[in-house]
Amino acid sequence: MSETLPMFTMTVSRQIEEAPVTLNQKSEELLSTVKTLCSFKNSQDLAHFVFSELFADLARTELPWLVFEVGIYRDHTKVIELIPTKHDITLADSSCSGAFIENVQKTSDRDEFSALLKKWFDLVYDKDSRYL
């Protein structure tokens, strides 16, 4: 049986504010997990996680306190930042790939988030430039 490789990775990049005092045990466990390198099969899989209740309990606060790094599984040099708040998710492309207007895109919609990730992936990933 052939397994396909994941499309995306995600990990905590940095903590920019103090953790909310309201973190429950499940959120603390998820934070511990997301500090390692997590992988996702495709943009819909990652969108489902980012818009899940479990992730919301951890990271979707009024003001951002965590910044995540989303990368391409097959090319870890290609990354964008994901900054969650209670109202939306910000994707920031410090490499200025041109996938987003002014290299930053905000969304509060899971399907749009998935489409934005796929657009970025399609623009920056070149399967012929990697030896796998």
C-alpha atoms as a PDB file:
ATOM      1  CA  MET A   1       0.000   0.000   0.000  1.00  0.00           C
ATOM      2  CA  SER A   2       1.433   3.365  -0.969  1.00  0.00           C
ATOM      3  CA  GLU A   3       1.030   6.254   1.408  1.00  0.00           C
ATOM      4  CA  THR A   4       1.033   9.802   0.160  1.00  0.00           C
ATOM      5  CA  LEU A   5       3.155  12.284   2.036  1.00  0.00           C
ATOM      6  CA  PRO A   6       1.478  15.095   3.964  1.00  0.00           C
ATOM      7  CA  MET A   7       1.160  18.460   2.257  1.00  0.00           C
ATOM      8  CA  PHE A   8       1.646  20.843   5.208  1.00  0.00           C
ATOM      9  CA  THR A   9       3.401  21.083   8.546  1.00  0.00           C
ATOM     10  CA  MET A  10       2.536  23.334  11.449  1.00  0.00           C
ATOM     11  CA  THR A  11       4.295  24.176  14.679  1.00  0.00           C
ATOM     12  CA  VAL A  12       4.376  26.969  17.241  1.00  0.00           C
ATOM     13  CA  SER A  13       6.793  29.591  15.976  1.00  0.00           C
ATOM     14  CA  ARG A  14       6.763  31.867  19.011  1.00  0.00           C
ATOM     15  CA  GLN A  15       4.714  33.124  21.912  1.00  0.00           C
ATOM     16  CA  ILE A  16       4.124  36.877  21.694  1.00  0.00           C
ATOM     17  CA  GLU A  17       2.021  37.367  24.842  1.00  0.00           C
ATOM     18  CA  GLU A  18       1.397  35.570  28.108  1.00  0.00           C
ATOM     19  CA  ALA A  19      -0.757  32.467  27.902  1.00  0.00           C
ATOM     20  CA  PRO A  20      -4.375  33.025  28.902  1.00  0.00           C
ATOM     21  CA  VAL A  21      -5.081  32.032  32.487  1.00  0.00           C
ATOM     22  CA  THR A  22      -8.169  30.214  31.213  1.00  0.00           C
ATOM     23  CA  LEU A  23      -6.233  27.419  29.444  1.00  0.00           C
ATOM     24  CA  ASN A  24      -7.707  24.066  30.369  1.00  0.00           C
ATOM     25  CA  GLN A  25      -5.856  20.752  30.492  1.00  0.00           C
ATOM     26  CA  LYS A  26      -6.863  19.804  26.931  1.00  0.00           C
ATOM     27  CA  SER A  27      -5.525  23.138  25.649  1.00  0.00           C
ATOM     28  CA  GLU A  28      -2.252  22.667  27.494  1.00  0.00           C
ATOM     29  CA  GLU A  29      -1.915  19.179  26.027  1.00  0.00           C
ATOM     30  CA  LEU A  30      -2.654  20.489  22.537  1.00  0.00           C
ATOM     31  CA  LEU A  31      -0.081  23.262  22.998  1.00  0.00           C
ATOM     32  CA  SER A  32       2.499  20.660  23.936  1.00  0.00           C
ATOM     33  CA  THR A  33       1.630  18.660  20.810  1.00  0.00           C
ATOM     34  CA  VAL A  34       1.645  21.661  18.459  1.00  0.00           C
ATOM     35  CA  LYS A  35       5.077  22.683  19.754  1.00  0.00           C
ATOM     36  CA  THR A  36       6.308  19.609  17.905  1.00  0.00           C
ATOM     37  CA  LEU A  37       6.025  19.414  14.138  1.00  0.00           C
ATOM     38  CA  CYS A  38       2.479  18.396  13.170  1.00  0.00           C
ATOM     39  CA  SER A  39       1.608  17.353   9.624  1.00  0.00           C
ATOM     40  CA  PHE A  40      -1.581  17.638   7.591  1.00  0.00           C
ATOM     41  CA  LYS A  41      -2.648  15.733   4.486  1.00  0.00           C
ATOM     42  CA  ASN A  42      -3.935  18.773   2.599  1.00  0.00           C
ATOM     43  CA  SER A  43      -5.257  22.305   3.021  1.00  0.00           C
ATOM     44  CA  GLN A  44      -8.724  21.076   4.008  1.00  0.00           C
ATOM     45  CA  ASP A  45      -7.230  18.901   6.742  1.00  0.00           C
ATOM     46  CA  LEU A  46      -5.278  21.855   8.153  1.00  0.00           C
ATOM     47  CA  ALA A  47      -8.322  24.137   7.867  1.00  0.00           C
ATOM     48  CA  HIS A  48     -10.442  21.617   9.753  1.00  0.00           C
ATOM     49  CA  PHE A  49      -7.886  21.630  12.585  1.00  0.00           C
ATOM     50  CA  VAL A  50      -7.456  25.433  12.715  1.00  0.00           C
ATOM     51  CA  PHE A  51     -11.227  25.938  12.823  1.00  0.00           C
ATOM     52  CA  SER A  52     -11.837  23.164  15.365  1.00  0.00           C
ATOM     53  CA  GLU A  53     -13.201  23.803  18.834  1.00  0.00           C
ATOM     54  CA  LEU A  54     -10.044  22.328  20.369  1.00  0.00           C
ATOM     55  CA  PHE A  55      -7.777  24.783  18.509  1.00  0.00           C
ATOM     56  CA  ALA A  56     -10.181  27.645  19.244  1.00  0.00           C
ATOM     57  CA  ASP A  57      -9.995  26.892  22.973  1.00  0.00           C
ATOM     58  CA  LEU A  58      -6.214  27.073  22.780  1.00  0.00           C
ATOM     59  CA  ALA A  59      -5.428  29.894  20.411  1.00  0.00           C
ATOM     60  CA  ARG A  60      -8.505  31.814  19.267  1.00  0.00           C
ATOM     61  CA  THR A  61      -8.349  34.576  21.881  1.00  0.00           C
ATOM     62  CA  GLU A  62      -9.283  38.258  21.633  1.00  0.00           C
ATOM     63  CA  LEU A  63      -5.648  39.296  21.179  1.00  0.00           C
ATOM     64  CA  PRO A  64      -3.089  36.982  19.592  1.00  0.00           C
ATOM     65  CA  TRP A  65      -0.665  35.246  21.927  1.00  0.00           C
ATOM     66  CA  LEU A  66       0.768  32.535  19.673  1.00  0.00           C
ATOM     67  CA  VAL A  67       2.251  32.650  16.192  1.00  0.00           C
ATOM     68  CA  PHE A  68       2.375  29.408  14.239  1.00  0.00           C
ATOM     69  CA  GLU A  69       4.568  28.466  11.316  1.00  0.00           C
ATOM     70  CA  VAL A  70       2.900  26.608   8.457  1.00  0.00           C
ATOM     71  CA  GLY A  71       5.296  24.962   6.050  1.00  0.00           C
ATOM     72  CA  ILE A  72       5.344  22.718   3.058  1.00  0.00           C
ATOM     73  CA  TYR A  73       6.109  19.168   4.168  1.00  0.00           C
ATOM     74  CA  ARG A  74       8.371  18.432   1.216  1.00  0.00           C
ATOM     75  CA  ASP A  75      10.221  21.741   1.405  1.00  0.00           C
ATOM     76  CA  HIS A  76      10.638  23.110   4.918  1.00  0.00           C
ATOM     77  CA  THR A  77      12.201  26.298   3.567  1.00  0.00           C
ATOM     78  CA  LYS A  78       8.751  27.425   2.339  1.00  0.00           C
ATOM     79  CA  VAL A  79       6.787  28.803   5.300  1.00  0.00           C
ATOM     80  CA  ILE A  80       4.125  31.328   6.235  1.00  0.00           C
ATOM     81  CA  GLU A  81       2.943  32.541   9.612  1.00  0.00           C
ATOM     82  CA  LEU A  82      -0.499  31.823  10.989  1.00  0.00           C
ATOM     83  CA  ILE A  83      -1.744  34.215  13.677  1.00  0.00           C
ATOM     84  CA  PRO A  84      -5.107  33.289  15.226  1.00  0.00           C
ATOM     85  CA  THR A  85      -7.474  35.602  17.058  1.00  0.00           C
ATOM     86  CA  LYS A  86     -11.036  35.178  18.238  1.00  0.00           C
ATOM     87  CA  HIS A  87     -12.379  36.855  15.096  1.00  0.00           C
ATOM     88  CA  ASP A  88     -10.094  35.694  12.292  1.00  0.00           C
ATOM     89  CA  ILE A  89      -6.929  33.968  11.161  1.00  0.00           C
ATOM     90  CA  THR A  90      -4.100  36.014   9.671  1.00  0.00           C
ATOM     91  CA  LEU A  91      -1.719  34.445   7.175  1.00  0.00           C
ATOM     92  CA  ALA A  92       1.515  36.408   6.787  1.00  0.00           C
ATOM     93  CA  ASP A  93       4.011  35.639   4.029  1.00  0.00           C
ATOM     94  CA  SER A  94       7.350  37.172   5.022  1.00  0.00           C
ATOM     95  CA  SER A  95       8.927  35.718   1.860  1.00  0.00           C
ATOM     96  CA  CYS A  96       6.628  37.938  -0.214  1.00  0.00           C
ATOM     97  CA  SER A  97       5.668  35.193  -2.650  1.00  0.00           C
ATOM     98  CA  GLY A  98       2.782  37.218  -4.044  1.00  0.00           C
ATOM     99  CA  ALA A  99       0.093  34.751  -2.976  1.00  0.00           C
ATOM    100  CA  PHE A 100      -1.615  37.386  -0.807  1.00  0.00           C
ATOM    101  CA  ILE A 101      -2.274  41.077  -1.386  1.00  0.00           C
ATOM    102  CA  GLU A 102       0.467  42.970   0.473  1.00  0.00           C
ATOM    103  CA  ASN A 103       1.640  39.522   1.702  1.00  0.00           C
ATOM    104  CA  VAL A 104      -1.004  39.340   4.441  1.00  0.00           C
ATOM    105  CA  GLN A 105      -4.445  37.773   4.273  1.00  0.00           C
ATOM    106  CA  LYS A 106      -7.127  37.580   6.963  1.00  0.00           C
ATOM    107  CA  THR A 107     -10.075  35.223   6.939  1.00  0.00           C
ATOM    108  CA  SER A 108     -12.733  33.957   9.286  1.00  0.00           C
ATOM    109  CA  ASP A 109     -14.018  31.288   6.886  1.00  0.00           C
ATOM    110  CA  ARG A 110     -12.701  27.712   6.904  1.00  0.00           C
ATOM    111  CA  ASP A 111     -13.193  27.151   3.163  1.00  0.00           C
ATOM    112  CA  GLU A 112     -11.518  30.440   2.279  1.00  0.00           C
ATOM    113  CA  PHE A 113      -8.627  29.586   4.616  1.00  0.00           C
ATOM    114  CA  SER A 114      -8.211  26.254   2.843  1.00  0.00           C
ATOM    115  CA  ALA A 115      -8.282  27.940  -0.569  1.00  0.00           C
ATOM    116  CA  LEU A 116      -5.708  30.535   0.529  1.00  0.00           C
ATOM    117  CA  LEU A 117      -3.341  27.817   1.729  1.00  0.00           C
ATOM    118  CA  LYS A 118      -3.758  25.899  -1.519  1.00  0.00           C
ATOM    119  CA  LYS A 119      -3.126  29.052  -3.549  1.00  0.00           C
ATOM    120  CA  TRP A 120       0.076  29.731  -1.605  1.00  0.00           C
ATOM    121  CA  PHE A 121       1.202  26.114  -1.948  1.00  0.00           C
ATOM    122  CA  ASP A 122       0.571  26.067  -5.703  1.00  0.00           C
ATOM    123  CA  LEU A 123       2.545  29.284  -6.112  1.00  0.00           C
ATOM    124  CA  VAL A 124       5.633  28.438  -4.040  1.00  0.00           C
ATOM    125  CA  TYR A 125       6.067  24.663  -4.261  1.00  0.00           C
ATOM    126  CA  ASP A 126       8.071  23.271  -7.154  1.00  0.00           C
ATOM    127  CA  LYS A 127       8.141  19.480  -6.962  1.00  0.00           C
ATOM    128  CA  ASP A 128      11.010  19.327  -9.449  1.00  0.00           C
ATOM    129  CA  SER A 129      13.301  21.382  -7.213  1.00  0.00           C
ATOM    130  CA  ARG A 130      13.408  18.763  -4.433  1.00  0.00           C
ATOM    131  CA  TYR A 131      15.012  15.321  -4.218  1.00  0.00           C
ATOM    132  CA  LEU A 132      12.558  13.005  -2.461  1.00  0.00           C
END
